[in-house]
Amino acid sequence: MKKLIAISLTFAPLLVAAAATLESILQQISHLVSLLVPLLITLAVVYFIWGVIKYIAAGGDEEKRKEARSMMIYGIIGLFVIVAMWGLVEVLISTFGINAGQTYTTPWTPIK
């Protein structure tokens, strides 16, 4: 039993380092997501609008309308996936209590 305790205490610093590494990884992911999400949402909306324009411009051509309809559907699916990914990262950050150096302020909150 003494050997088990001694071995456990030997590896305790590695566990602390692993937790710090997990926190830093999640901070980096949070920062990357906060940079990419607005760009990806913009691209998905533009793709959806391009599909709408193609759908309207297709007129009576059923093949072109089908292609444009699939573009609109993929745009909506892309928006859903992006927002879901963003939400999942935010849930993980709040669960682990990580603040990636971001300060969220509202217009009525004084900045300190």
C-alpha atoms as a PDB file:
ATOM      1  CA  MET A   1       0.000   0.000   0.000  1.00  0.00           C
ATOM      2  CA  LYS A   2       2.871   2.377   0.759  1.00  0.00           C
ATOM      3  CA  LYS A   3       4.331   1.772  -2.696  1.00  0.00           C
ATOM      4  CA  LEU A   4       0.996   2.625  -4.312  1.00  0.00           C
ATOM      5  CA  ILE A   5       0.777   5.893  -2.381  1.00  0.00           C
ATOM      6  CA  ALA A   6       4.371   6.764  -3.255  1.00  0.00           C
ATOM      7  CA  ILE A   7       3.785   6.067  -6.960  1.00  0.00           C
ATOM      8  CA  SER A   8       0.540   8.084  -6.883  1.00  0.00           C
ATOM      9  CA  LEU A   9       2.290  11.059  -5.335  1.00  0.00           C
ATOM     10  CA  THR A  10       5.047  10.785  -7.921  1.00  0.00           C
ATOM     11  CA  PHE A  11       2.586  11.208 -10.798  1.00  0.00           C
ATOM     12  CA  ALA A  12       0.461  13.935  -9.146  1.00  0.00           C
ATOM     13  CA  PRO A  13       2.353  16.815 -10.843  1.00  0.00           C
ATOM     14  CA  LEU A  14       1.685  15.227 -14.234  1.00  0.00           C
ATOM     15  CA  LEU A  15      -2.044  15.318 -13.546  1.00  0.00           C
ATOM     16  CA  VAL A  16      -1.869  19.008 -12.701  1.00  0.00           C
ATOM     17  CA  ALA A  17       0.121  19.684 -15.879  1.00  0.00           C
ATOM     18  CA  ALA A  18      -2.438  17.736 -17.905  1.00  0.00           C
ATOM     19  CA  ALA A  19      -5.267  19.847 -16.473  1.00  0.00           C
ATOM     20  CA  ALA A  20      -3.387  23.045 -17.306  1.00  0.00           C
ATOM     21  CA  THR A  21      -2.795  21.747 -20.810  1.00  0.00           C
ATOM     22  CA  LEU A  22      -6.500  20.964 -21.242  1.00  0.00           C
ATOM     23  CA  GLU A  23      -7.355  24.492 -20.130  1.00  0.00           C
ATOM     24  CA  SER A  24      -4.886  26.043 -22.550  1.00  0.00           C
ATOM     25  CA  ILE A  25      -6.160  23.868 -25.392  1.00  0.00           C
ATOM     26  CA  LEU A  26      -9.742  24.922 -24.684  1.00  0.00           C
ATOM     27  CA  GLN A  27      -8.668  28.569 -24.529  1.00  0.00           C
ATOM     28  CA  GLN A  28      -7.007  28.263 -27.933  1.00  0.00           C
ATOM     29  CA  ILE A  29     -10.070  26.561 -29.395  1.00  0.00           C
ATOM     30  CA  SER A  30     -12.295  29.278 -27.939  1.00  0.00           C
ATOM     31  CA  HIS A  31     -10.137  32.003 -29.451  1.00  0.00           C
ATOM     32  CA  LEU A  32     -10.075  30.291 -32.844  1.00  0.00           C
ATOM     33  CA  VAL A  33     -13.838  29.775 -32.828  1.00  0.00           C
ATOM     34  CA  SER A  34     -14.473  33.394 -31.839  1.00  0.00           C
ATOM     35  CA  LEU A  35     -12.428  34.482 -34.859  1.00  0.00           C
ATOM     36  CA  LEU A  36     -13.918  32.018 -37.349  1.00  0.00           C
ATOM     37  CA  VAL A  37     -17.607  32.012 -36.416  1.00  0.00           C
ATOM     38  CA  PRO A  38     -18.512  35.444 -37.836  1.00  0.00           C
ATOM     39  CA  LEU A  39     -16.677  34.645 -41.068  1.00  0.00           C
ATOM     40  CA  LEU A  40     -18.311  31.225 -41.419  1.00  0.00           C
ATOM     41  CA  ILE A  41     -21.775  32.601 -40.670  1.00  0.00           C
ATOM     42  CA  THR A  42     -21.267  35.280 -43.306  1.00  0.00           C
ATOM     43  CA  LEU A  43     -20.188  32.689 -45.877  1.00  0.00           C
ATOM     44  CA  ALA A  44     -23.174  30.452 -45.089  1.00  0.00           C
ATOM     45  CA  VAL A  45     -25.616  33.351 -45.416  1.00  0.00           C
ATOM     46  CA  VAL A  46     -24.047  34.442 -48.704  1.00  0.00           C
ATOM     47  CA  TYR A  47     -24.256  30.845 -50.000  1.00  0.00           C
ATOM     48  CA  PHE A  48     -27.925  30.671 -48.997  1.00  0.00           C
ATOM     49  CA  ILE A  49     -28.710  34.022 -50.650  1.00  0.00           C
ATOM     50  CA  TRP A  50     -26.845  32.933 -53.789  1.00  0.00           C
ATOM     51  CA  GLY A  51     -29.088  29.845 -53.842  1.00  0.00           C
ATOM     52  CA  VAL A  52     -32.180  32.041 -53.530  1.00  0.00           C
ATOM     53  CA  ILE A  53     -30.995  34.237 -56.405  1.00  0.00           C
ATOM     54  CA  LYS A  54     -30.300  31.183 -58.569  1.00  0.00           C
ATOM     55  CA  TYR A  55     -33.731  29.770 -57.669  1.00  0.00           C
ATOM     56  CA  ILE A  56     -35.480  32.942 -58.743  1.00  0.00           C
ATOM     57  CA  ALA A  57     -33.352  33.261 -61.881  1.00  0.00           C
ATOM     58  CA  ALA A  58     -34.005  29.633 -62.890  1.00  0.00           C
ATOM     59  CA  GLY A  59     -37.564  30.426 -63.899  1.00  0.00           C
ATOM     60  CA  GLY A  60     -39.152  27.281 -65.312  1.00  0.00           C
ATOM     61  CA  ASP A  61     -36.005  25.156 -65.626  1.00  0.00           C
ATOM     62  CA  GLU A  62     -36.627  22.404 -63.092  1.00  0.00           C
ATOM     63  CA  GLU A  63     -33.020  21.138 -63.032  1.00  0.00           C
ATOM     64  CA  LYS A  64     -31.616  24.567 -62.161  1.00  0.00           C
ATOM     65  CA  ARG A  65     -34.315  25.067 -59.524  1.00  0.00           C
ATOM     66  CA  LYS A  66     -33.413  21.723 -57.958  1.00  0.00           C
ATOM     67  CA  GLU A  67     -29.736  22.725 -57.827  1.00  0.00           C
ATOM     68  CA  ALA A  68     -30.596  26.111 -56.312  1.00  0.00           C
ATOM     69  CA  ARG A  69     -32.897  24.464 -53.761  1.00  0.00           C
ATOM     70  CA  SER A  70     -30.069  22.182 -52.653  1.00  0.00           C
ATOM     71  CA  MET A  71     -27.799  25.231 -52.281  1.00  0.00           C
ATOM     72  CA  MET A  72     -30.371  26.857 -49.994  1.00  0.00           C
ATOM     73  CA  ILE A  73     -30.701  23.686 -47.932  1.00  0.00           C
ATOM     74  CA  TYR A  74     -26.918  23.337 -47.602  1.00  0.00           C
ATOM     75  CA  GLY A  75     -26.709  26.989 -46.549  1.00  0.00           C
ATOM     76  CA  ILE A  76     -29.266  26.442 -43.796  1.00  0.00           C
ATOM     77  CA  ILE A  77     -27.550  23.232 -42.666  1.00  0.00           C
ATOM     78  CA  GLY A  78     -24.222  25.073 -42.624  1.00  0.00           C
ATOM     79  CA  LEU A  79     -25.684  27.833 -40.454  1.00  0.00           C
ATOM     80  CA  PHE A  80     -27.100  25.254 -38.061  1.00  0.00           C
ATOM     81  CA  VAL A  81     -23.786  23.403 -37.768  1.00  0.00           C
ATOM     82  CA  ILE A  82     -21.811  26.617 -37.216  1.00  0.00           C
ATOM     83  CA  VAL A  83     -24.141  27.891 -34.504  1.00  0.00           C
ATOM     84  CA  ALA A  84     -24.264  24.453 -32.845  1.00  0.00           C
ATOM     85  CA  MET A  85     -20.454  24.234 -32.836  1.00  0.00           C
ATOM     86  CA  TRP A  86     -20.234  27.733 -31.391  1.00  0.00           C
ATOM     87  CA  GLY A  87     -22.733  26.837 -28.670  1.00  0.00           C
ATOM     88  CA  LEU A  88     -20.931  23.600 -27.834  1.00  0.00           C
ATOM     89  CA  VAL A  89     -17.622  25.400 -27.378  1.00  0.00           C
ATOM     90  CA  GLU A  90     -19.288  28.006 -25.166  1.00  0.00           C
ATOM     91  CA  VAL A  91     -20.894  25.269 -23.048  1.00  0.00           C
ATOM     92  CA  LEU A  92     -17.520  23.553 -22.628  1.00  0.00           C
ATOM     93  CA  ILE A  93     -15.892  26.837 -21.654  1.00  0.00           C
ATOM     94  CA  SER A  94     -18.537  27.623 -19.068  1.00  0.00           C
ATOM     95  CA  THR A  95     -18.485  24.040 -17.762  1.00  0.00           C
ATOM     96  CA  PHE A  96     -14.730  24.078 -17.186  1.00  0.00           C
ATOM     97  CA  GLY A  97     -14.786  27.699 -15.970  1.00  0.00           C
ATOM     98  CA  ILE A  98     -12.339  28.934 -18.559  1.00  0.00           C
ATOM     99  CA  ASN A  99     -12.083  32.595 -19.440  1.00  0.00           C
ATOM    100  CA  ALA A 100     -10.131  32.981 -22.673  1.00  0.00           C
ATOM    101  CA  GLY A 101      -9.336  36.602 -21.968  1.00  0.00           C
ATOM    102  CA  GLN A 102     -12.649  37.709 -23.396  1.00  0.00           C
ATOM    103  CA  THR A 103     -14.681  40.397 -21.750  1.00  0.00           C
ATOM    104  CA  TYR A 104     -18.279  40.630 -22.731  1.00  0.00           C
ATOM    105  CA  THR A 105     -19.868  44.000 -22.168  1.00  0.00           C
ATOM    106  CA  THR A 106     -23.310  45.269 -22.940  1.00  0.00           C
ATOM    107  CA  PRO A 107     -24.125  48.913 -23.706  1.00  0.00           C
ATOM    108  CA  TRP A 108     -25.438  49.430 -20.168  1.00  0.00           C
ATOM    109  CA  THR A 109     -22.485  47.760 -18.403  1.00  0.00           C
ATOM    110  CA  PRO A 110     -19.729  50.150 -17.350  1.00  0.00           C
ATOM    111  CA  ILE A 111     -16.229  49.088 -18.388  1.00  0.00           C
ATOM    112  CA  LYS A 112     -13.843  48.850 -15.467  1.00  0.00           C
END
